[in-house]
PDB file of N, CA and C in Angstrom:
ATOM      1  N   MET A   1      42.477  40.754  -0.679  1.00  0.00           N
ATOM      2  CA  MET A   1      41.294  40.872   0.141  1.00  0.00           C
ATOM      3  C   MET A   1      40.053  40.378  -0.610  1.00  0.00           C
ATOM      4  N   LYS A   2      39.973  40.684  -1.906  1.00  0.00           N
ATOM      5  CA  LYS A   2      38.827  40.247  -2.693  1.00  0.00           C
ATOM      6  C   LYS A   2      38.784  38.726  -2.799  1.00  0.00           C
ATOM      7  N   LYS A   3      39.955  38.080  -2.869  1.00  0.00           N
ATOM      8  CA  LYS A   3      40.001  36.625  -2.950  1.00  0.00           C
ATOM      9  C   LYS A   3      39.478  35.990  -1.676  1.00  0.00           C
ATOM     10  N   ILE A   4      39.772  36.569  -0.531  1.00  0.00           N
ATOM     11  CA  ILE A   4      39.327  36.020   0.750  1.00  0.00           C
ATOM     12  C   ILE A   4      37.806  36.135   0.858  1.00  0.00           C
ATOM     13  N   ILE A   5      37.250  37.288   0.492  1.00  0.00           N
ATOM     14  CA  ILE A   5      35.802  37.480   0.554  1.00  0.00           C
ATOM     15  C   ILE A   5      35.112  36.548  -0.441  1.00  0.00           C
ATOM     16  N   PHE A   6      35.659  36.435  -1.639  1.00  0.00           N
ATOM     17  CA  PHE A   6      35.093  35.542  -2.644  1.00  0.00           C
ATOM     18  C   PHE A   6      35.140  34.087  -2.171  1.00  0.00           C
ATOM     19  N   SER A   7      36.254  33.659  -1.580  1.00  0.00           N
ATOM     20  CA  SER A   7      36.393  32.289  -1.079  1.00  0.00           C
ATOM     21  C   SER A   7      35.408  32.025   0.056  1.00  0.00           C
ATOM     22  N   ALA A   8      35.213  33.002   0.945  1.00  0.00           N
ATOM     23  CA  ALA A   8      34.263  32.846   2.046  1.00  0.00           C
ATOM     24  C   ALA A   8      32.838  32.737   1.510  1.00  0.00           C
ATOM     25  N   ALA A   9      32.508  33.523   0.487  1.00  0.00           N
ATOM     26  CA  ALA A   9      31.173  33.467  -0.102  1.00  0.00           C
ATOM     27  C   ALA A   9      30.928  32.118  -0.769  1.00  0.00           C
ATOM     28  N   ILE A  10      31.915  31.606  -1.462  1.00  0.00           N
ATOM     29  CA  ILE A  10      31.792  30.287  -2.098  1.00  0.00           C
ATOM     30  C   ILE A  10      31.629  29.198  -1.034  1.00  0.00           C
ATOM     31  N   ALA A  11      32.415  29.269   0.035  1.00  0.00           N
ATOM     32  CA  ALA A  11      32.315  28.275   1.112  1.00  0.00           C
ATOM     33  C   ALA A  11      30.935  28.327   1.765  1.00  0.00           C
ATOM     34  N   ALA A  12      30.403  29.532   1.970  1.00  0.00           N
ATOM     35  CA  ALA A  12      29.069  29.671   2.565  1.00  0.00           C
ATOM     36  C   ALA A  12      28.003  29.106   1.637  1.00  0.00           C
ATOM     37  N   ALA A  13      28.140  29.340   0.342  1.00  0.00           N
ATOM     38  CA  ALA A  13      27.169  28.826  -0.624  1.00  0.00           C
ATOM     39  C   ALA A  13      27.198  27.302  -0.666  1.00  0.00           C
ATOM     40  N   ILE A  14      28.374  26.726  -0.635  1.00  0.00           N
ATOM     41  CA  ILE A  14      28.516  25.264  -0.653  1.00  0.00           C
ATOM     42  C   ILE A  14      27.932  24.660   0.618  1.00  0.00           C
ATOM     43  N   THR A  15      28.202  25.284   1.754  1.00  0.00           N
ATOM     44  CA  THR A  15      27.677  24.794   3.033  1.00  0.00           C
ATOM     45  C   THR A  15      26.157  24.855   3.050  1.00  0.00           C
ATOM     46  N   THR A  16      25.600  25.964   2.584  1.00  0.00           N
ATOM     47  CA  THR A  16      24.144  26.113   2.551  1.00  0.00           C
ATOM     48  C   THR A  16      23.513  25.089   1.611  1.00  0.00           C
ATOM     49  N   ALA A  17      24.100  24.895   0.453  1.00  0.00           N
ATOM     50  CA  ALA A  17      23.571  23.919  -0.501  1.00  0.00           C
ATOM     51  C   ALA A  17      23.639  22.502   0.072  1.00  0.00           C
ATOM     52  N   GLY A  18      24.713  22.187   0.736  1.00  0.00           N
ATOM     53  CA  GLY A  18      24.847  20.866   1.358  1.00  0.00           C
ATOM     54  C   GLY A  18      23.821  20.647   2.443  1.00  0.00           C
ATOM     55  N   TYR A  19      23.604  21.664   3.273  1.00  0.00           N
ATOM     56  CA  TYR A  19      22.618  21.550   4.345  1.00  0.00           C
ATOM     57  C   TYR A  19      21.213  21.365   3.779  1.00  0.00           C
ATOM     58  N   LEU A  20      20.862  22.162   2.796  1.00  0.00           N
ATOM     59  CA  LEU A  20      19.532  22.050   2.200  1.00  0.00           C
ATOM     60  C   LEU A  20      19.349  20.703   1.504  1.00  0.00           C
ATOM     61  N   GLY A  21      20.393  20.205   0.882  1.00  0.00           N
ATOM     62  CA  GLY A  21      20.319  18.895   0.234  1.00  0.00           C
ATOM     63  C   GLY A  21      20.110  17.779   1.233  1.00  0.00           C
ATOM     64  N   LEU A  22      20.795  17.837   2.357  1.00  0.00           N
ATOM     65  CA  LEU A  22      20.616  16.812   3.387  1.00  0.00           C
ATOM     66  C   LEU A  22      19.237  16.893   4.014  1.00  0.00           C
ATOM     67  N   ARG A  23      18.771  18.107   4.255  1.00  0.00           N
ATOM     68  CA  ARG A  23      17.456  18.287   4.857  1.00  0.00           C
ATOM     69  C   ARG A  23      16.354  17.765   3.935  1.00  0.00           C
ATOM     70  N   THR A  24      16.473  18.032   2.668  1.00  0.00           N
ATOM     71  CA  THR A  24      15.488  17.557   1.694  1.00  0.00           C
ATOM     72  C   THR A  24      15.564  16.037   1.556  1.00  0.00           C
ATOM     73  N   GLY A  25      16.756  15.489   1.545  1.00  0.00           N
ATOM     74  CA  GLY A  25      16.929  14.045   1.417  1.00  0.00           C
ATOM     75  C   GLY A  25      16.373  13.293   2.599  1.00  0.00           C
ATOM     76  N   ASN A  26      16.505  13.814   3.794  1.00  0.00           N
ATOM     77  CA  ASN A  26      16.009  13.130   4.986  1.00  0.00           C
ATOM     78  C   ASN A  26      14.492  13.161   5.081  1.00  0.00           C
ATOM     79  N   SER A  27      13.845  14.152   4.524  1.00  0.00           N
ATOM     80  CA  SER A  27      12.389  14.216   4.608  1.00  0.00           C
ATOM     81  C   SER A  27      11.738  13.129   3.757  1.00  0.00           C
ATOM     82  N   ASN A  28      12.388  12.660   2.710  1.00  0.00           N
ATOM     83  CA  ASN A  28      11.833  11.615   1.854  1.00  0.00           C
ATOM     84  C   ASN A  28      12.041  10.219   2.420  1.00  0.00           C
ATOM     85  N   SER A  29      12.960  10.065   3.369  1.00  0.00           N
ATOM     86  CA  SER A  29      13.264   8.736   3.878  1.00  0.00           C
ATOM     87  C   SER A  29      12.085   8.140   4.634  1.00  0.00           C
ATOM     88  N   GLU A  30      11.270   8.977   5.300  1.00  0.00           N
ATOM     89  CA  GLU A  30      10.118   8.450   6.015  1.00  0.00           C
ATOM     90  C   GLU A  30       9.066   7.936   5.040  1.00  0.00           C
ATOM     91  N   GLN A  31       8.871   8.632   3.928  1.00  0.00           N
ATOM     92  CA  GLN A  31       7.916   8.177   2.933  1.00  0.00           C
ATOM     93  C   GLN A  31       8.370   6.854   2.321  1.00  0.00           C
ATOM     94  N   ILE A  32       9.622   6.737   2.038  1.00  0.00           N
ATOM     95  CA  ILE A  32      10.144   5.487   1.488  1.00  0.00           C
ATOM     96  C   ILE A  32       9.961   4.377   2.505  1.00  0.00           C
ATOM     97  N   SER A  33      10.203   4.673   3.765  1.00  0.00           N
ATOM     98  CA  SER A  33      10.059   3.680   4.805  1.00  0.00           C
ATOM     99  C   SER A  33       8.606   3.209   4.912  1.00  0.00           C
ATOM    100  N   ASP A  34       7.648   4.133   4.816  1.00  0.00           N
ATOM    101  CA  ASP A  34       6.239   3.756   4.862  1.00  0.00           C
ATOM    102  C   ASP A  34       5.863   2.883   3.666  1.00  0.00           C
ATOM    103  N   ILE A  35       6.377   3.227   2.503  1.00  0.00           N
ATOM    104  CA  ILE A  35       6.100   2.438   1.304  1.00  0.00           C
ATOM    105  C   ILE A  35       6.708   1.047   1.438  1.00  0.00           C
ATOM    106  N   MET A  36       7.934   0.989   1.938  1.00  0.00           N
ATOM    107  CA  MET A  36       8.580  -0.303   2.115  1.00  0.00           C
ATOM    108  C   MET A  36       7.804  -1.164   3.117  1.00  0.00           C
ATOM    109  N   MET A  37       7.316  -0.553   4.204  1.00  0.00           N
ATOM    110  CA  MET A  37       6.557  -1.311   5.195  1.00  0.00           C
ATOM    111  C   MET A  37       5.251  -1.833   4.599  1.00  0.00           C
ATOM    112  N   ALA A  38       4.598  -1.031   3.787  1.00  0.00           N
ATOM    113  CA  ALA A  38       3.370  -1.488   3.132  1.00  0.00           C
ATOM    114  C   ALA A  38       3.656  -2.670   2.212  1.00  0.00           C
ATOM    115  N   ASN A  39       4.766  -2.628   1.501  1.00  0.00           N
ATOM    116  CA  ASN A  39       5.129  -3.746   0.622  1.00  0.00           C
ATOM    117  C   ASN A  39       5.438  -5.001   1.429  1.00  0.00           C
ATOM    118  N   ILE A  40       6.139  -4.835   2.535  1.00  0.00           N
ATOM    119  CA  ILE A  40       6.477  -5.989   3.375  1.00  0.00           C
ATOM    120  C   ILE A  40       5.211  -6.612   3.937  1.00  0.00           C
ATOM    121  N   GLU A  41       4.291  -5.766   4.419  1.00  0.00           N
ATOM    122  CA  GLU A  41       3.044  -6.290   4.960  1.00  0.00           C
ATOM    123  C   GLU A  41       2.213  -6.979   3.877  1.00  0.00           C
ATOM    124  N   ALA A  42       2.225  -6.428   2.678  1.00  0.00           N
ATOM    125  CA  ALA A  42       1.473  -7.044   1.592  1.00  0.00           C
ATOM    126  C   ALA A  42       2.070  -8.401   1.214  1.00  0.00           C
ATOM    127  N   LEU A  43       3.378  -8.492   1.205  1.00  0.00           N
ATOM    128  CA  LEU A  43       4.018  -9.771   0.884  1.00  0.00           C
ATOM    129  C   LEU A  43       3.802 -10.804   1.986  1.00  0.00           C
ATOM    130  N   ALA A  44       3.753 -10.346   3.230  1.00  0.00           N
ATOM    131  CA  ALA A  44       3.597 -11.269   4.352  1.00  0.00           C
ATOM    132  C   ALA A  44       2.148 -11.646   4.605  1.00  0.00           C
ATOM    133  N   ASP A  45       1.213 -10.945   4.011  1.00  0.00           N
ATOM    134  CA  ASP A  45      -0.202 -11.226   4.231  1.00  0.00           C
ATOM    135  C   ASP A  45      -0.527 -12.653   3.790  1.00  0.00           C
ATOM    136  N   GLY A  46      -1.129 -13.383   4.676  1.00  0.00           N
ATOM    137  CA  GLY A  46      -1.493 -14.758   4.375  1.00  0.00           C
ATOM    138  C   GLY A  46      -0.475 -15.779   4.845  1.00  0.00           C
ATOM    139  N   GLU A  47       0.710 -15.368   5.203  1.00  0.00           N
ATOM    140  CA  GLU A  47       1.719 -16.323   5.644  1.00  0.00           C
ATOM    141  C   GLU A  47       1.423 -16.875   7.027  1.00  0.00           C
ATOM    142  N   ILE A  48       0.740 -16.099   7.854  1.00  0.00           N
ATOM    143  CA  ILE A  48       0.420 -16.575   9.201  1.00  0.00           C
ATOM    144  C   ILE A  48      -0.533 -17.765   9.121  1.00  0.00           C
ATOM    145  N   GLU A  49      -1.490 -17.714   8.248  1.00  0.00           N
ATOM    146  CA  GLU A  49      -2.471 -18.774   8.114  1.00  0.00           C
ATOM    147  C   GLU A  49      -1.885 -20.037   7.493  1.00  0.00           C
ATOM    148  N   ALA A  50      -0.717 -19.973   6.891  1.00  0.00           N
ATOM    149  CA  ALA A  50      -0.111 -21.131   6.245  1.00  0.00           C
ATOM    150  C   ALA A  50       0.300 -22.197   7.256  1.00  0.00           C
ATOM    151  N   ASN A  51       0.401 -21.812   8.540  1.00  0.00           N
ATOM    152  CA  ASN A  51       0.855 -22.743   9.568  1.00  0.00           C
ATOM    153  C   ASN A  51      -0.316 -23.177  10.458  1.00  0.00           C
ATOM    154  N   CYS A  52      -1.501 -23.338   9.898  1.00  0.00           N
ATOM    155  CA  CYS A  52      -2.705 -23.693  10.661  1.00  0.00           C
ATOM    156  C   CYS A  52      -3.113 -25.126  10.373  1.00  0.00           C
ATOM    157  N   THR A  53      -2.249 -26.064  10.676  1.00  0.00           N
ATOM    158  CA  THR A  53      -2.530 -27.470  10.377  1.00  0.00           C
ATOM    159  C   THR A  53      -2.300 -28.364  11.586  1.00  0.00           C
ATOM    160  N   PHE A  54      -2.510 -27.832  12.797  1.00  0.00           N
ATOM    161  CA  PHE A  54      -2.226 -28.599  14.012  1.00  0.00           C
ATOM    162  C   PHE A  54      -3.516 -28.899  14.771  1.00  0.00           C
ATOM    163  N   SER A  55      -3.502 -30.015  15.514  1.00  0.00           N
ATOM    164  CA  SER A  55      -4.667 -30.358  16.319  1.00  0.00           C
ATOM    165  C   SER A  55      -4.466 -29.978  17.786  1.00  0.00           C
ATOM    166  N   LYS A  56      -3.228 -29.748  18.199  1.00  0.00           N
ATOM    167  CA  LYS A  56      -2.938 -29.400  19.592  1.00  0.00           C
ATOM    168  C   LYS A  56      -1.903 -28.286  19.623  1.00  0.00           C
ATOM    169  N   VAL A  57      -2.249 -27.182  20.288  1.00  0.00           N
ATOM    170  CA  VAL A  57      -1.335 -26.049  20.414  1.00  0.00           C
ATOM    171  C   VAL A  57      -1.243 -25.666  21.882  1.00  0.00           C
ATOM    172  N   GLU A  58      -0.043 -25.773  22.432  1.00  0.00           N
ATOM    173  CA  GLU A  58       0.200 -25.389  23.820  1.00  0.00           C
ATOM    174  C   GLU A  58       1.145 -24.189  23.827  1.00  0.00           C
ATOM    175  N   ALA A  59       0.725 -23.127  24.499  1.00  0.00           N
ATOM    176  CA  ALA A  59       1.540 -21.907  24.560  1.00  0.00           C
ATOM    177  C   ALA A  59       2.024 -21.682  25.984  1.00  0.00           C
ATOM    178  N   ASP A  60       3.326 -21.550  26.146  1.00  0.00           N
ATOM    179  CA  ASP A  60       3.921 -21.224  27.443  1.00  0.00           C
ATOM    180  C   ASP A  60       4.403 -19.774  27.376  1.00  0.00           C
ATOM    181  N   GLN A  61       3.583 -18.862  27.917  1.00  0.00           N
ATOM    182  CA  GLN A  61       3.883 -17.433  27.840  1.00  0.00           C
ATOM    183  C   GLN A  61       5.149 -17.080  28.616  1.00  0.00           C
ATOM    184  N   GLU A  62       5.386 -17.738  29.749  1.00  0.00           N
ATOM    185  CA  GLU A  62       6.553 -17.418  30.581  1.00  0.00           C
ATOM    186  C   GLU A  62       7.862 -17.736  29.866  1.00  0.00           C
ATOM    187  N   LYS A  63       7.896 -18.852  29.168  1.00  0.00           N
ATOM    188  CA  LYS A  63       9.111 -19.260  28.453  1.00  0.00           C
ATOM    189  C   LYS A  63       9.107 -18.806  27.001  1.00  0.00           C
ATOM    190  N   ASN A  64       7.999 -18.171  26.575  1.00  0.00           N
ATOM    191  CA  ASN A  64       7.847 -17.719  25.188  1.00  0.00           C
ATOM    192  C   ASN A  64       8.060 -18.888  24.226  1.00  0.00           C
ATOM    193  N   LYS A  65       7.339 -19.995  24.497  1.00  0.00           N
ATOM    194  CA  LYS A  65       7.530 -21.226  23.733  1.00  0.00           C
ATOM    195  C   LYS A  65       6.181 -21.783  23.290  1.00  0.00           C
ATOM    196  N   LEU A  66       6.149 -22.314  22.083  1.00  0.00           N
ATOM    197  CA  LEU A  66       4.960 -22.971  21.539  1.00  0.00           C
ATOM    198  C   LEU A  66       5.254 -24.445  21.310  1.00  0.00           C
ATOM    199  N   ASN A  67       4.260 -25.298  21.613  1.00  0.00           N
ATOM    200  CA  ASN A  67       4.367 -26.716  21.312  1.00  0.00           C
ATOM    201  C   ASN A  67       3.157 -27.078  20.459  1.00  0.00           C
ATOM    202  N   CYS A  68       3.383 -27.338  19.199  1.00  0.00           N
ATOM    203  CA  CYS A  68       2.299 -27.613  18.259  1.00  0.00           C
ATOM    204  C   CYS A  68       2.466 -29.027  17.706  1.00  0.00           C
ATOM    205  N   SER A  69       1.353 -29.800  17.720  1.00  0.00           N
ATOM    206  CA  SER A  69       1.455 -31.176  17.241  1.00  0.00           C
ATOM    207  C   SER A  69       0.126 -31.631  16.647  1.00  0.00           C
ATOM    208  N   GLY A  70       0.164 -32.751  15.975  1.00  0.00           N
ATOM    209  CA  GLY A  70      -1.028 -33.349  15.399  1.00  0.00           C
ATOM    210  C   GLY A  70      -1.423 -32.735  14.074  1.00  0.00           C
ATOM    211  N   SER A  71      -2.492 -33.273  13.509  1.00  0.00           N
ATOM    212  CA  SER A  71      -3.001 -32.798  12.218  1.00  0.00           C
ATOM    213  C   SER A  71      -4.413 -32.281  12.414  1.00  0.00           C
ATOM    214  N   GLY A  72      -4.599 -30.991  12.101  1.00  0.00           N
ATOM    215  CA  GLY A  72      -5.914 -30.387  12.298  1.00  0.00           C
ATOM    216  C   GLY A  72      -5.982 -29.010  11.668  1.00  0.00           C
ATOM    217  N   THR A  73      -6.744 -28.132  12.304  1.00  0.00           N
ATOM    218  CA  THR A  73      -6.952 -26.795  11.723  1.00  0.00           C
ATOM    219  C   THR A  73      -6.512 -25.663  12.660  1.00  0.00           C
ATOM    220  N   LEU A  74      -5.831 -25.974  13.752  1.00  0.00           N
ATOM    221  CA  LEU A  74      -5.368 -24.939  14.670  1.00  0.00           C
ATOM    222  C   LEU A  74      -4.068 -24.295  14.171  1.00  0.00           C
ATOM    223  N   CYS A  75      -3.931 -23.023  14.492  1.00  0.00           N
ATOM    224  CA  CYS A  75      -2.717 -22.294  14.084  1.00  0.00           C
ATOM    225  C   CYS A  75      -1.687 -22.323  15.198  1.00  0.00           C
ATOM    226  N   CYS A  76      -0.447 -22.475  14.823  1.00  0.00           N
ATOM    227  CA  CYS A  76       0.648 -22.523  15.782  1.00  0.00           C
ATOM    228  C   CYS A  76       1.164 -21.109  16.020  1.00  0.00           C
ATOM    229  N   ARG A  77       0.499 -20.390  16.940  1.00  0.00           N
ATOM    230  CA  ARG A  77       0.900 -19.024  17.289  1.00  0.00           C
ATOM    231  C   ARG A  77       0.332 -18.701  18.666  1.00  0.00           C
ATOM    232  N   PHE A  78       0.893 -17.669  19.259  1.00  0.00           N
ATOM    233  CA  PHE A  78       0.401 -17.237  20.569  1.00  0.00           C
ATOM    234  C   PHE A  78      -0.972 -16.604  20.421  1.00  0.00           C
ATOM    235  N   PRO A  79      -1.868 -16.914  21.344  1.00  0.00           N
ATOM    236  CA  PRO A  79      -3.219 -16.344  21.270  1.00  0.00           C
ATOM    237  C   PRO A  79      -3.234 -14.853  21.536  1.00  0.00           C
TER     238      PRO A  79
END
């Protein structure tokens, strides 16, 4: 009888520790995600302006299509 109670107590302790570990681990994932997004945005900053060398930009919103041509200072992106 003592072995059964001891085994149940050990199983309960392991289950509780596992639950608390998962709960603690999941709370940090949002912070990591925010940090990763900030890094991605910082790396991508300035890349949009790198494609601003066109003289004619036609945007077709219905077809989600851009037609960019010529040499100038316009950016090839949707307004």
